[in-house]
Amino acid sequence: GYSPAQRTPESVIAKAKTSETWAFAVVPAHTIFDQAITVVVSDSYAVFSLVQSGVHEVWARGSGAGSRMKTDLRYSPTMFVTFPSPVSQSMEHLEKPGRSFAEARRGVMLQRGLGFTSVEHSLSYATEVSEDIRQLRRHIIEIDNAVAAAYGCSDHDLGHGFHKTMHGARYTIDETAR
């Protein structure tokens, strides 16, 4: 629970509870959130990297902790709480890749006038080869590799590419890494 002695974060991490995309966002903490949003009370970009990662997505989709709405995962708050976190010393290396991805994605959204879902779809289209989207894919690789290293798996090739998922081909880690 919250106590007045705790620092109130300036921002929090949020995700639509039900979505076909895997898009967390760092948003101002003073935002009024709908009940259809899961909010992680943290302004840490290391935590953002952790939840945005393909590692967390694979765990969330396969853990049985969430429910489904059609083929979309319904991300519940308990999924964050029960996700096994790496040791805290490993988390510091997750700050930079998370911040870089969030800032680059925000830039693409502003430049293109797109929302999260549209940008997430662009990431998944193999035909989308513009430099800004290719750069976002490189940031995804950085996050996933940093998260894998935080769990002691830095020697594993995650095989990023366009792979078949229940939502069609998506840019993600390959089946072997999953």
C-alpha atoms as a PDB file:
ATOM      1  CA  GLY A   1       0.000   0.000   0.000  1.00  0.00           C
ATOM      2  CA  TYR A   2       0.905   3.655  -0.260  1.00  0.00           C
ATOM      3  CA  SER A   3       2.163   5.616   2.692  1.00  0.00           C
ATOM      4  CA  PRO A   4       2.755   9.399   2.733  1.00  0.00           C
ATOM      5  CA  ALA A   5       6.463   8.771   3.359  1.00  0.00           C
ATOM      6  CA  GLN A   6       6.812   7.176  -0.087  1.00  0.00           C
ATOM      7  CA  ARG A   7       7.862   9.292  -3.039  1.00  0.00           C
ATOM      8  CA  THR A   8       5.037   9.951  -5.462  1.00  0.00           C
ATOM      9  CA  PRO A   9       6.283   9.192  -8.979  1.00  0.00           C
ATOM     10  CA  GLU A  10       5.936  11.848 -11.659  1.00  0.00           C
ATOM     11  CA  SER A  11       5.017   9.198 -14.199  1.00  0.00           C
ATOM     12  CA  VAL A  12       3.667   5.641 -14.235  1.00  0.00           C
ATOM     13  CA  ILE A  13       3.666   2.742 -16.686  1.00  0.00           C
ATOM     14  CA  ALA A  14       0.331   1.920 -18.303  1.00  0.00           C
ATOM     15  CA  LYS A  15      -1.083  -0.626 -20.752  1.00  0.00           C
ATOM     16  CA  ALA A  16      -4.511  -1.281 -22.175  1.00  0.00           C
ATOM     17  CA  LYS A  17      -5.807  -4.347 -20.344  1.00  0.00           C
ATOM     18  CA  THR A  18      -7.128  -5.930 -23.522  1.00  0.00           C
ATOM     19  CA  SER A  19      -5.192  -5.461 -26.741  1.00  0.00           C
ATOM     20  CA  GLU A  20      -3.688  -7.460 -29.550  1.00  0.00           C
ATOM     21  CA  THR A  21      -0.550  -5.314 -29.270  1.00  0.00           C
ATOM     22  CA  TRP A  22       2.146  -5.326 -26.600  1.00  0.00           C
ATOM     23  CA  ALA A  23       2.506  -1.616 -25.894  1.00  0.00           C
ATOM     24  CA  PHE A  24       3.267  -0.206 -22.478  1.00  0.00           C
ATOM     25  CA  ALA A  25       3.605   3.568 -22.083  1.00  0.00           C
ATOM     26  CA  VAL A  26       5.213   5.908 -19.597  1.00  0.00           C
ATOM     27  CA  VAL A  27       2.567   8.537 -18.843  1.00  0.00           C
ATOM     28  CA  PRO A  28       2.148  11.367 -16.325  1.00  0.00           C
ATOM     29  CA  ALA A  29       1.022  10.038 -12.948  1.00  0.00           C
ATOM     30  CA  HIS A  30      -1.679  12.714 -12.680  1.00  0.00           C
ATOM     31  CA  THR A  31      -3.538  11.155 -15.643  1.00  0.00           C
ATOM     32  CA  ILE A  32      -7.053   9.928 -14.917  1.00  0.00           C
ATOM     33  CA  PHE A  33      -7.114   6.261 -15.927  1.00  0.00           C
ATOM     34  CA  ASP A  34     -10.068   4.231 -17.127  1.00  0.00           C
ATOM     35  CA  GLN A  35     -10.705   0.812 -15.582  1.00  0.00           C
ATOM     36  CA  ALA A  36      -9.615  -0.696 -18.918  1.00  0.00           C
ATOM     37  CA  ILE A  37      -5.993   0.336 -18.215  1.00  0.00           C
ATOM     38  CA  THR A  38      -3.481  -1.533 -16.074  1.00  0.00           C
ATOM     39  CA  VAL A  39      -1.169   0.879 -14.243  1.00  0.00           C
ATOM     40  CA  VAL A  40       2.214  -0.043 -12.771  1.00  0.00           C
ATOM     41  CA  VAL A  41       3.117   2.577 -10.168  1.00  0.00           C
ATOM     42  CA  SER A  42       6.728   3.114 -11.153  1.00  0.00           C
ATOM     43  CA  ASP A  43       8.571   5.763 -13.092  1.00  0.00           C
ATOM     44  CA  SER A  44      11.561   3.483 -13.653  1.00  0.00           C
ATOM     45  CA  TYR A  45      12.559   2.911 -17.254  1.00  0.00           C
ATOM     46  CA  ALA A  46      14.167  -0.323 -16.041  1.00  0.00           C
ATOM     47  CA  VAL A  47      10.707  -1.560 -15.018  1.00  0.00           C
ATOM     48  CA  PHE A  48       9.360  -0.250 -18.340  1.00  0.00           C
ATOM     49  CA  SER A  49      12.013  -2.316 -20.196  1.00  0.00           C
ATOM     50  CA  LEU A  50      11.055  -5.377 -18.196  1.00  0.00           C
ATOM     51  CA  VAL A  51       7.327  -5.201 -18.955  1.00  0.00           C
ATOM     52  CA  GLN A  52       7.772  -4.019 -22.567  1.00  0.00           C
ATOM     53  CA  SER A  53      10.141  -6.894 -23.323  1.00  0.00           C
ATOM     54  CA  GLY A  54       9.368  -9.916 -25.433  1.00  0.00           C
ATOM     55  CA  VAL A  55      10.411 -12.015 -22.426  1.00  0.00           C
ATOM     56  CA  HIS A  56       7.574 -10.588 -20.329  1.00  0.00           C
ATOM     57  CA  GLU A  57       5.135 -10.870 -23.231  1.00  0.00           C
ATOM     58  CA  VAL A  58       5.935 -14.551 -23.775  1.00  0.00           C
ATOM     59  CA  TRP A  59       5.545 -15.183 -20.032  1.00  0.00           C
ATOM     60  CA  ALA A  60       2.261 -13.243 -19.851  1.00  0.00           C
ATOM     61  CA  ARG A  61       0.735 -14.992 -22.861  1.00  0.00           C
ATOM     62  CA  GLY A  62       1.841 -18.432 -21.697  1.00  0.00           C
ATOM     63  CA  SER A  63       1.572 -18.180 -17.910  1.00  0.00           C
ATOM     64  CA  GLY A  64      -2.162 -18.689 -17.661  1.00  0.00           C
ATOM     65  CA  ALA A  65      -2.271 -15.721 -15.266  1.00  0.00           C
ATOM     66  CA  GLY A  66      -4.403 -13.646 -17.623  1.00  0.00           C
ATOM     67  CA  SER A  67      -7.642 -14.244 -19.405  1.00  0.00           C
ATOM     68  CA  ARG A  68      -8.478 -13.753 -23.062  1.00  0.00           C
ATOM     69  CA  MET A  69     -10.993 -11.684 -24.936  1.00  0.00           C
ATOM     70  CA  LYS A  70     -11.260 -13.442 -28.307  1.00  0.00           C
ATOM     71  CA  THR A  71      -7.549 -13.894 -29.142  1.00  0.00           C
ATOM     72  CA  ASP A  72      -6.401 -10.811 -27.224  1.00  0.00           C
ATOM     73  CA  LEU A  73      -4.687 -11.219 -23.869  1.00  0.00           C
ATOM     74  CA  ARG A  74      -6.388  -9.443 -20.981  1.00  0.00           C
ATOM     75  CA  TYR A  75      -3.431  -8.142 -18.981  1.00  0.00           C
ATOM     76  CA  SER A  76      -4.328  -8.087 -15.309  1.00  0.00           C
ATOM     77  CA  PRO A  77      -2.416  -6.256 -12.563  1.00  0.00           C
ATOM     78  CA  THR A  78      -1.500  -9.572 -10.944  1.00  0.00           C
ATOM     79  CA  MET A  79       0.472 -10.487 -14.068  1.00  0.00           C
ATOM     80  CA  PHE A  80       3.014  -7.796 -13.208  1.00  0.00           C
ATOM     81  CA  VAL A  81       3.078  -8.716  -9.517  1.00  0.00           C
ATOM     82  CA  THR A  82       3.581 -12.452 -10.135  1.00  0.00           C
ATOM     83  CA  PHE A  83       6.143 -12.052 -12.937  1.00  0.00           C
ATOM     84  CA  PRO A  84       9.494 -13.301 -11.606  1.00  0.00           C
ATOM     85  CA  SER A  85      11.758 -10.248 -11.483  1.00  0.00           C
ATOM     86  CA  PRO A  86      15.514 -10.450 -12.044  1.00  0.00           C
ATOM     87  CA  VAL A  87      17.793  -9.599  -9.139  1.00  0.00           C
ATOM     88  CA  SER A  88      17.817  -5.857  -8.479  1.00  0.00           C
ATOM     89  CA  GLN A  89      21.512  -5.489  -9.410  1.00  0.00           C
ATOM     90  CA  SER A  90      20.632  -6.589 -12.957  1.00  0.00           C
ATOM     91  CA  MET A  91      17.879  -4.000 -13.330  1.00  0.00           C
ATOM     92  CA  GLU A  92      20.166  -0.954 -13.678  1.00  0.00           C
ATOM     93  CA  HIS A  93      21.185  -2.068 -17.192  1.00  0.00           C
ATOM     94  CA  LEU A  94      17.543  -1.922 -18.291  1.00  0.00           C
ATOM     95  CA  GLU A  95      17.109   1.827 -17.735  1.00  0.00           C
ATOM     96  CA  LYS A  96      18.811   3.121 -20.898  1.00  0.00           C
ATOM     97  CA  PRO A  97      17.211   0.776 -23.469  1.00  0.00           C
ATOM     98  CA  GLY A  98      13.749   1.426 -22.033  1.00  0.00           C
ATOM     99  CA  ARG A  99      14.157   5.192 -22.083  1.00  0.00           C
ATOM    100  CA  SER A 100      15.618   5.110 -25.618  1.00  0.00           C
ATOM    101  CA  PHE A 101      12.735   3.012 -26.961  1.00  0.00           C
ATOM    102  CA  ALA A 102      10.040   5.094 -25.239  1.00  0.00           C
ATOM    103  CA  GLU A 103      11.529   8.358 -26.533  1.00  0.00           C
ATOM    104  CA  ALA A 104      12.027   7.016 -30.068  1.00  0.00           C
ATOM    105  CA  ARG A 105       8.479   5.615 -30.199  1.00  0.00           C
ATOM    106  CA  ARG A 106       7.084   8.916 -28.917  1.00  0.00           C
ATOM    107  CA  GLY A 107       9.028  10.692 -31.679  1.00  0.00           C
ATOM    108  CA  VAL A 108       7.624   8.380 -34.370  1.00  0.00           C
ATOM    109  CA  MET A 109       4.111   8.882 -33.034  1.00  0.00           C
ATOM    110  CA  LEU A 110       4.475  12.667 -33.120  1.00  0.00           C
ATOM    111  CA  GLN A 111       6.167  12.800 -36.536  1.00  0.00           C
ATOM    112  CA  ARG A 112       3.638  10.464 -38.157  1.00  0.00           C
ATOM    113  CA  GLY A 113       0.602  11.580 -36.164  1.00  0.00           C
ATOM    114  CA  LEU A 114      -0.055   7.984 -35.049  1.00  0.00           C
ATOM    115  CA  GLY A 115      -1.199   6.323 -31.833  1.00  0.00           C
ATOM    116  CA  PHE A 116       0.315   3.321 -30.052  1.00  0.00           C
ATOM    117  CA  THR A 117      -1.676   0.704 -31.948  1.00  0.00           C
ATOM    118  CA  SER A 118      -0.739   2.101 -35.359  1.00  0.00           C
ATOM    119  CA  VAL A 119       2.950   2.239 -34.457  1.00  0.00           C
ATOM    120  CA  GLU A 120       2.803  -1.292 -33.024  1.00  0.00           C
ATOM    121  CA  HIS A 121       1.207  -2.537 -36.242  1.00  0.00           C
ATOM    122  CA  SER A 122       3.898  -0.780 -38.297  1.00  0.00           C
ATOM    123  CA  LEU A 123       6.538  -2.653 -36.297  1.00  0.00           C
ATOM    124  CA  SER A 124       4.894  -5.936 -37.290  1.00  0.00           C
ATOM    125  CA  TYR A 125       4.645  -5.293 -41.023  1.00  0.00           C
ATOM    126  CA  ALA A 126       7.602  -6.800 -42.869  1.00  0.00           C
ATOM    127  CA  THR A 127       6.804  -4.395 -45.712  1.00  0.00           C
ATOM    128  CA  GLU A 128       7.401  -1.411 -43.380  1.00  0.00           C
ATOM    129  CA  VAL A 129      11.063  -0.633 -43.977  1.00  0.00           C
ATOM    130  CA  SER A 130      11.249   3.085 -43.172  1.00  0.00           C
ATOM    131  CA  GLU A 131      14.261   4.041 -41.076  1.00  0.00           C
ATOM    132  CA  ASP A 132      12.251   5.226 -38.055  1.00  0.00           C
ATOM    133  CA  ILE A 133      10.446   1.875 -37.747  1.00  0.00           C
ATOM    134  CA  ARG A 134      13.673  -0.075 -38.341  1.00  0.00           C
ATOM    135  CA  GLN A 135      15.239   1.973 -35.517  1.00  0.00           C
ATOM    136  CA  LEU A 136      12.343   1.053 -33.193  1.00  0.00           C
ATOM    137  CA  ARG A 137      12.949  -2.609 -34.020  1.00  0.00           C
ATOM    138  CA  ARG A 138      16.613  -2.170 -33.041  1.00  0.00           C
ATOM    139  CA  HIS A 139      15.439  -0.684 -29.728  1.00  0.00           C
ATOM    140  CA  ILE A 140      13.217  -3.750 -29.205  1.00  0.00           C
ATOM    141  CA  ILE A 141      16.255  -5.979 -29.700  1.00  0.00           C
ATOM    142  CA  GLU A 142      18.217  -3.888 -27.168  1.00  0.00           C
ATOM    143  CA  ILE A 143      15.446  -4.178 -24.574  1.00  0.00           C
ATOM    144  CA  ASP A 144      15.012  -7.920 -25.074  1.00  0.00           C
ATOM    145  CA  ASN A 145      18.757  -8.593 -24.948  1.00  0.00           C
ATOM    146  CA  ALA A 146      19.129  -6.462 -21.797  1.00  0.00           C
ATOM    147  CA  VAL A 147      16.221  -8.273 -20.124  1.00  0.00           C
ATOM    148  CA  ALA A 148      17.605 -11.686 -21.116  1.00  0.00           C
ATOM    149  CA  ALA A 149      20.995 -10.646 -19.685  1.00  0.00           C
ATOM    150  CA  ALA A 150      19.296  -9.546 -16.439  1.00  0.00           C
ATOM    151  CA  TYR A 151      18.124 -13.152 -16.085  1.00  0.00           C
ATOM    152  CA  GLY A 152      21.612 -14.476 -16.839  1.00  0.00           C
ATOM    153  CA  CYS A 153      20.834 -15.471 -20.421  1.00  0.00           C
ATOM    154  CA  SER A 154      23.088 -13.086 -22.352  1.00  0.00           C
ATOM    155  CA  ASP A 155      24.533 -15.940 -24.409  1.00  0.00           C
ATOM    156  CA  HIS A 156      21.174 -16.829 -26.009  1.00  0.00           C
ATOM    157  CA  ASP A 157      20.283 -15.616 -29.502  1.00  0.00           C
ATOM    158  CA  LEU A 158      16.684 -14.424 -29.315  1.00  0.00           C
ATOM    159  CA  GLY A 159      16.286 -14.686 -33.096  1.00  0.00           C
ATOM    160  CA  HIS A 160      14.366 -11.449 -33.611  1.00  0.00           C
ATOM    161  CA  GLY A 161      12.433 -11.314 -36.848  1.00  0.00           C
ATOM    162  CA  PHE A 162       8.971 -11.675 -38.301  1.00  0.00           C
ATOM    163  CA  HIS A 163       7.531 -14.785 -36.690  1.00  0.00           C
ATOM    164  CA  LYS A 164       4.113 -16.388 -36.739  1.00  0.00           C
ATOM    165  CA  THR A 165       1.933 -15.636 -33.703  1.00  0.00           C
ATOM    166  CA  MET A 166      -1.794 -16.017 -32.996  1.00  0.00           C
ATOM    167  CA  HIS A 167      -2.122 -12.442 -34.327  1.00  0.00           C
ATOM    168  CA  GLY A 168      -0.310 -13.219 -37.573  1.00  0.00           C
ATOM    169  CA  ALA A 169       3.317 -12.446 -38.344  1.00  0.00           C
ATOM    170  CA  ARG A 170       4.860 -10.075 -35.788  1.00  0.00           C
ATOM    171  CA  TYR A 171       8.325  -8.738 -35.139  1.00  0.00           C
ATOM    172  CA  THR A 172       9.312 -10.661 -32.026  1.00  0.00           C
ATOM    173  CA  ILE A 173      11.675 -13.267 -30.620  1.00  0.00           C
ATOM    174  CA  ASP A 174      11.639 -16.643 -32.350  1.00  0.00           C
ATOM    175  CA  GLU A 175       9.920 -19.790 -31.179  1.00  0.00           C
ATOM    176  CA  THR A 176      13.154 -21.406 -29.947  1.00  0.00           C
ATOM    177  CA  ALA A 177      13.915 -18.438 -27.688  1.00  0.00           C
ATOM    178  CA  ARG A 178      10.327 -18.428 -26.423  1.00  0.00           C
END
